[in-house]
N, C-alpha and C. Protein backbone atom coordinates (compact mmCIF):
# COMPACT_ATOMS: atom_id res chain seq x y z
N MET A 1 -16.70 -27.07 29.31
CA MET A 1 -15.40 -26.48 29.06
C MET A 1 -15.59 -24.98 28.85
N PRO A 2 -14.96 -24.16 29.66
CA PRO A 2 -15.11 -22.71 29.51
C PRO A 2 -14.39 -22.22 28.27
N SER A 3 -15.00 -21.27 27.62
CA SER A 3 -14.43 -20.76 26.37
C SER A 3 -13.38 -19.69 26.63
N GLY A 4 -13.34 -19.16 27.81
CA GLY A 4 -12.37 -18.11 28.11
C GLY A 4 -12.80 -16.75 27.59
N MET A 5 -14.00 -16.69 27.07
CA MET A 5 -14.49 -15.43 26.54
C MET A 5 -15.45 -14.80 27.55
N ASN A 6 -15.05 -13.74 28.13
CA ASN A 6 -15.95 -12.99 29.00
C ASN A 6 -15.95 -11.54 28.55
N ASP A 7 -16.86 -10.80 29.07
CA ASP A 7 -17.09 -9.46 28.59
C ASP A 7 -16.29 -8.45 29.41
N HIS A 8 -15.03 -8.25 29.03
CA HIS A 8 -14.17 -7.32 29.74
C HIS A 8 -14.39 -5.88 29.30
N MET A 9 -15.06 -5.66 28.20
CA MET A 9 -15.21 -4.32 27.66
C MET A 9 -16.42 -3.58 28.21
N GLN A 10 -17.19 -4.17 29.04
CA GLN A 10 -18.33 -3.49 29.64
C GLN A 10 -17.86 -2.58 30.76
N PRO A 11 -18.38 -1.35 30.80
CA PRO A 11 -17.99 -0.45 31.89
C PRO A 11 -18.48 -0.98 33.24
N ASP A 12 -17.65 -0.84 34.26
CA ASP A 12 -17.98 -1.35 35.59
C ASP A 12 -18.88 -0.40 36.37
N SER A 13 -18.82 0.88 36.08
CA SER A 13 -19.60 1.83 36.85
C SER A 13 -20.32 2.80 35.90
N VAL A 14 -21.22 3.57 36.46
CA VAL A 14 -21.96 4.56 35.68
C VAL A 14 -21.02 5.67 35.21
N ASP A 15 -20.10 6.08 36.07
CA ASP A 15 -19.15 7.14 35.70
C ASP A 15 -18.25 6.70 34.55
N GLU A 16 -17.84 5.45 34.58
CA GLU A 16 -17.00 4.93 33.51
C GLU A 16 -17.78 4.87 32.20
N GLY A 17 -19.05 4.52 32.28
CA GLY A 17 -19.90 4.49 31.09
C GLY A 17 -20.10 5.88 30.51
N LYS A 18 -20.29 6.88 31.37
CA LYS A 18 -20.43 8.26 30.90
C LYS A 18 -19.14 8.75 30.26
N SER A 19 -18.01 8.38 30.85
CA SER A 19 -16.73 8.78 30.30
C SER A 19 -16.51 8.16 28.92
N LEU A 20 -16.87 6.90 28.79
CA LEU A 20 -16.73 6.21 27.51
C LEU A 20 -17.66 6.83 26.47
N ASP A 21 -18.87 7.20 26.86
CA ASP A 21 -19.81 7.86 25.97
C ASP A 21 -19.26 9.21 25.51
N LEU A 22 -18.65 9.96 26.41
CA LEU A 22 -18.08 11.25 26.07
C LEU A 22 -16.95 11.10 25.05
N VAL A 23 -16.09 10.13 25.27
CA VAL A 23 -14.97 9.91 24.35
C VAL A 23 -15.48 9.51 22.98
N GLN A 24 -16.47 8.64 22.93
CA GLN A 24 -17.02 8.22 21.64
C GLN A 24 -17.67 9.39 20.90
N ARG A 25 -18.43 10.23 21.62
CA ARG A 25 -19.05 11.38 20.98
C ARG A 25 -18.01 12.36 20.47
N LEU A 26 -16.96 12.60 21.25
CA LEU A 26 -15.91 13.52 20.82
C LEU A 26 -15.17 12.99 19.60
N LEU A 27 -14.89 11.70 19.58
CA LEU A 27 -14.18 11.12 18.45
C LEU A 27 -15.01 11.19 17.17
N VAL A 28 -16.27 10.83 17.26
CA VAL A 28 -17.14 10.87 16.08
C VAL A 28 -17.37 12.31 15.62
N SER A 29 -17.53 13.22 16.55
CA SER A 29 -17.74 14.61 16.15
C SER A 29 -16.48 15.20 15.53
N MET A 30 -15.30 14.80 15.98
CA MET A 30 -14.07 15.25 15.34
C MET A 30 -13.95 14.70 13.93
N LEU A 31 -14.33 13.44 13.75
CA LEU A 31 -14.29 12.86 12.40
C LEU A 31 -15.27 13.55 11.47
N VAL A 32 -16.51 13.71 11.91
CA VAL A 32 -17.53 14.35 11.07
C VAL A 32 -17.14 15.81 10.78
N GLY A 33 -16.75 16.53 11.81
CA GLY A 33 -16.35 17.92 11.62
C GLY A 33 -15.13 18.06 10.73
N GLY A 34 -14.19 17.18 10.88
CA GLY A 34 -12.98 17.23 10.05
C GLY A 34 -13.25 16.92 8.60
N ILE A 35 -14.05 15.89 8.35
CA ILE A 35 -14.33 15.50 6.97
C ILE A 35 -15.20 16.54 6.28
N VAL A 36 -16.28 16.96 6.93
CA VAL A 36 -17.17 17.95 6.32
C VAL A 36 -16.46 19.30 6.21
N GLY A 37 -15.68 19.66 7.22
CA GLY A 37 -14.92 20.89 7.15
C GLY A 37 -13.89 20.87 6.04
N PHE A 38 -13.28 19.72 5.81
CA PHE A 38 -12.31 19.59 4.72
C PHE A 38 -13.00 19.77 3.37
N VAL A 39 -14.17 19.16 3.21
CA VAL A 39 -14.92 19.29 1.95
C VAL A 39 -15.29 20.75 1.71
N ALA A 40 -15.81 21.41 2.74
CA ALA A 40 -16.20 22.82 2.60
C ALA A 40 -14.98 23.70 2.33
N SER A 41 -13.87 23.41 2.96
CA SER A 41 -12.67 24.21 2.76
C SER A 41 -12.08 24.03 1.36
N VAL A 42 -12.08 22.81 0.87
CA VAL A 42 -11.57 22.57 -0.49
C VAL A 42 -12.48 23.22 -1.52
N LEU A 43 -13.78 23.15 -1.31
CA LEU A 43 -14.70 23.81 -2.23
C LEU A 43 -14.51 25.32 -2.19
N ALA A 44 -14.32 25.89 -1.00
CA ALA A 44 -14.06 27.33 -0.89
C ALA A 44 -12.74 27.71 -1.56
N LEU A 45 -11.74 26.86 -1.42
CA LEU A 45 -10.46 27.11 -2.08
C LEU A 45 -10.61 27.10 -3.60
N TYR A 46 -11.37 26.14 -4.11
CA TYR A 46 -11.60 26.08 -5.56
C TYR A 46 -12.37 27.30 -6.04
N VAL A 47 -13.40 27.68 -5.31
CA VAL A 47 -14.22 28.83 -5.71
C VAL A 47 -13.39 30.11 -5.70
N SER A 48 -12.50 30.23 -4.75
CA SER A 48 -11.74 31.47 -4.65
C SER A 48 -10.54 31.53 -5.59
N THR A 49 -10.05 30.39 -6.06
CA THR A 49 -8.85 30.42 -6.90
C THR A 49 -9.10 30.09 -8.37
N ARG A 50 -9.85 29.03 -8.64
CA ARG A 50 -9.96 28.56 -10.02
C ARG A 50 -11.33 28.76 -10.67
N ALA A 51 -12.36 28.96 -9.90
CA ALA A 51 -13.71 28.97 -10.46
C ALA A 51 -13.94 30.17 -11.38
N HIS A 52 -13.25 31.28 -11.15
CA HIS A 52 -13.48 32.44 -12.01
C HIS A 52 -12.98 32.23 -13.44
N THR A 53 -12.04 31.30 -13.63
CA THR A 53 -11.59 30.99 -14.99
C THR A 53 -12.28 29.77 -15.57
N ASP A 54 -12.73 28.86 -14.73
CA ASP A 54 -13.32 27.60 -15.20
C ASP A 54 -14.83 27.66 -15.38
N LEU A 55 -15.52 28.51 -14.63
CA LEU A 55 -16.98 28.48 -14.59
C LEU A 55 -17.57 29.86 -14.86
N PRO A 56 -18.82 29.90 -15.32
CA PRO A 56 -19.49 31.20 -15.41
C PRO A 56 -19.78 31.77 -14.03
N ARG A 57 -20.09 33.05 -13.98
CA ARG A 57 -20.27 33.76 -12.70
C ARG A 57 -21.37 33.14 -11.84
N ASP A 58 -22.51 32.77 -12.44
CA ASP A 58 -23.61 32.22 -11.64
C ASP A 58 -23.24 30.87 -11.03
N SER A 59 -22.47 30.06 -11.74
CA SER A 59 -22.02 28.78 -11.18
C SER A 59 -21.02 29.00 -10.05
N GLN A 60 -20.18 30.01 -10.20
CA GLN A 60 -19.22 30.33 -9.15
C GLN A 60 -19.94 30.74 -7.87
N ILE A 61 -20.96 31.57 -7.99
CA ILE A 61 -21.72 31.99 -6.81
C ILE A 61 -22.52 30.82 -6.24
N GLY A 62 -23.03 29.95 -7.10
CA GLY A 62 -23.74 28.77 -6.62
C GLY A 62 -22.83 27.85 -5.81
N LEU A 63 -21.61 27.65 -6.26
CA LEU A 63 -20.66 26.84 -5.49
C LEU A 63 -20.28 27.53 -4.19
N TRP A 64 -20.19 28.83 -4.22
CA TRP A 64 -19.90 29.59 -3.00
C TRP A 64 -21.01 29.40 -1.97
N VAL A 65 -22.26 29.43 -2.43
CA VAL A 65 -23.40 29.20 -1.53
C VAL A 65 -23.37 27.77 -1.01
N MET A 66 -23.04 26.81 -1.85
CA MET A 66 -22.96 25.41 -1.42
C MET A 66 -21.87 25.21 -0.37
N THR A 67 -20.81 26.01 -0.43
CA THR A 67 -19.78 25.97 0.61
C THR A 67 -20.40 26.27 1.97
N GLY A 68 -21.24 27.30 2.01
CA GLY A 68 -21.91 27.66 3.25
C GLY A 68 -22.90 26.61 3.71
N VAL A 69 -23.64 26.03 2.76
CA VAL A 69 -24.63 25.00 3.12
C VAL A 69 -23.94 23.77 3.69
N ILE A 70 -22.86 23.35 3.05
CA ILE A 70 -22.11 22.18 3.54
C ILE A 70 -21.54 22.46 4.92
N GLY A 71 -20.99 23.65 5.10
CA GLY A 71 -20.44 24.02 6.41
C GLY A 71 -21.49 24.05 7.50
N LEU A 72 -22.67 24.62 7.18
CA LEU A 72 -23.75 24.67 8.16
C LEU A 72 -24.25 23.26 8.52
N CYS A 73 -24.38 22.40 7.52
CA CYS A 73 -24.82 21.02 7.78
C CYS A 73 -23.80 20.28 8.65
N GLY A 74 -22.52 20.48 8.37
CA GLY A 74 -21.48 19.83 9.16
C GLY A 74 -21.46 20.31 10.60
N SER A 75 -21.58 21.61 10.79
CA SER A 75 -21.57 22.11 12.17
C SER A 75 -22.84 21.72 12.92
N ALA A 76 -23.97 21.66 12.23
CA ALA A 76 -25.20 21.20 12.87
C ALA A 76 -25.07 19.71 13.25
N ALA A 77 -24.44 18.92 12.40
CA ALA A 77 -24.25 17.50 12.72
C ALA A 77 -23.37 17.32 13.95
N VAL A 78 -22.32 18.12 14.05
CA VAL A 78 -21.45 18.04 15.23
C VAL A 78 -22.21 18.44 16.49
N LEU A 79 -23.05 19.46 16.39
CA LEU A 79 -23.83 19.87 17.54
C LEU A 79 -24.82 18.79 17.96
N VAL A 80 -25.47 18.16 17.01
CA VAL A 80 -26.43 17.09 17.33
C VAL A 80 -25.70 15.90 17.95
N LEU A 81 -24.52 15.57 17.44
CA LEU A 81 -23.75 14.47 18.03
C LEU A 81 -23.38 14.76 19.48
N ASN A 82 -23.19 16.02 19.81
CA ASN A 82 -22.84 16.41 21.17
C ASN A 82 -24.06 16.80 22.00
N ARG A 83 -25.22 16.38 21.55
CA ARG A 83 -26.49 16.57 22.26
C ARG A 83 -26.83 18.03 22.52
N LYS A 84 -26.55 18.85 21.52
CA LYS A 84 -26.93 20.26 21.56
C LYS A 84 -28.02 20.48 20.50
N ARG A 85 -28.69 21.61 20.59
CA ARG A 85 -29.69 21.95 19.59
C ARG A 85 -28.99 22.31 18.28
N PRO A 86 -29.54 21.92 17.13
CA PRO A 86 -28.89 22.27 15.86
C PRO A 86 -28.99 23.75 15.54
N TRP A 87 -29.83 24.51 16.22
CA TRP A 87 -29.92 25.95 15.98
C TRP A 87 -29.13 26.73 17.04
N HIS A 88 -28.20 26.07 17.67
CA HIS A 88 -27.30 26.70 18.64
C HIS A 88 -26.47 27.77 17.91
N PRO A 89 -26.10 28.87 18.58
CA PRO A 89 -25.32 29.92 17.90
C PRO A 89 -23.98 29.44 17.34
N ALA A 90 -23.44 28.35 17.85
CA ALA A 90 -22.16 27.84 17.35
C ALA A 90 -22.27 27.28 15.93
N VAL A 91 -23.49 27.09 15.43
CA VAL A 91 -23.65 26.57 14.07
C VAL A 91 -23.10 27.57 13.04
N VAL A 92 -22.98 28.83 13.43
CA VAL A 92 -22.47 29.85 12.53
C VAL A 92 -21.00 29.60 12.18
N LEU A 93 -20.29 28.84 12.99
CA LEU A 93 -18.90 28.52 12.69
C LEU A 93 -18.76 27.74 11.39
N GLY A 94 -19.83 27.09 10.96
CA GLY A 94 -19.81 26.37 9.69
C GLY A 94 -19.71 27.30 8.48
N LEU A 95 -20.00 28.57 8.68
CA LEU A 95 -19.92 29.54 7.59
C LEU A 95 -18.52 30.11 7.39
N ALA A 96 -17.56 29.71 8.19
CA ALA A 96 -16.21 30.25 8.11
C ALA A 96 -15.57 30.09 6.73
N PRO A 97 -15.62 28.91 6.08
CA PRO A 97 -15.03 28.82 4.74
C PRO A 97 -15.73 29.73 3.73
N MET A 98 -17.02 29.88 3.86
CA MET A 98 -17.78 30.74 2.95
C MET A 98 -17.39 32.21 3.12
N VAL A 99 -17.23 32.62 4.36
CA VAL A 99 -16.86 34.01 4.64
C VAL A 99 -15.46 34.31 4.13
N VAL A 100 -14.54 33.39 4.32
CA VAL A 100 -13.17 33.60 3.84
C VAL A 100 -13.14 33.66 2.32
N ALA A 101 -13.88 32.78 1.67
CA ALA A 101 -13.88 32.77 0.20
C ALA A 101 -14.61 33.97 -0.40
N ALA A 102 -15.48 34.62 0.37
CA ALA A 102 -16.24 35.75 -0.14
C ALA A 102 -15.34 36.88 -0.59
N PHE A 103 -14.21 37.06 0.03
CA PHE A 103 -13.29 38.13 -0.35
C PHE A 103 -12.85 37.96 -1.80
N TRP A 104 -12.53 36.73 -2.21
CA TRP A 104 -12.06 36.51 -3.57
C TRP A 104 -13.20 36.35 -4.57
N VAL A 105 -14.33 35.92 -4.12
CA VAL A 105 -15.48 35.73 -5.03
C VAL A 105 -16.02 37.08 -5.48
N PHE A 106 -16.10 38.04 -4.56
CA PHE A 106 -16.75 39.30 -4.86
C PHE A 106 -15.79 40.46 -5.09
N ARG A 107 -14.56 40.20 -5.40
CA ARG A 107 -13.66 41.32 -5.70
C ARG A 107 -13.59 41.59 -7.17
């Protein structure tokens, strides 16, 4: 008795498999970039608005540096997911929240 279960989700051609791989990489890299970028942006927002009243100066600068580290790690992860080198020049985009927050941290 046939179960009626066959494998319809397998790509039929090499081009279809490459297309499916591209979509999966783009989706995962958007999720990773979005989540890590959100964390770095919220931390930069906190450092630039509330940290000067809540924390001592050295802790504020430490959180500011961690904003950059988190951003760099997130952008490197997105590059690795897209089969690029993690030292690609685009990794500098991860420093964007840190650079924006620097105006308020050092004024």
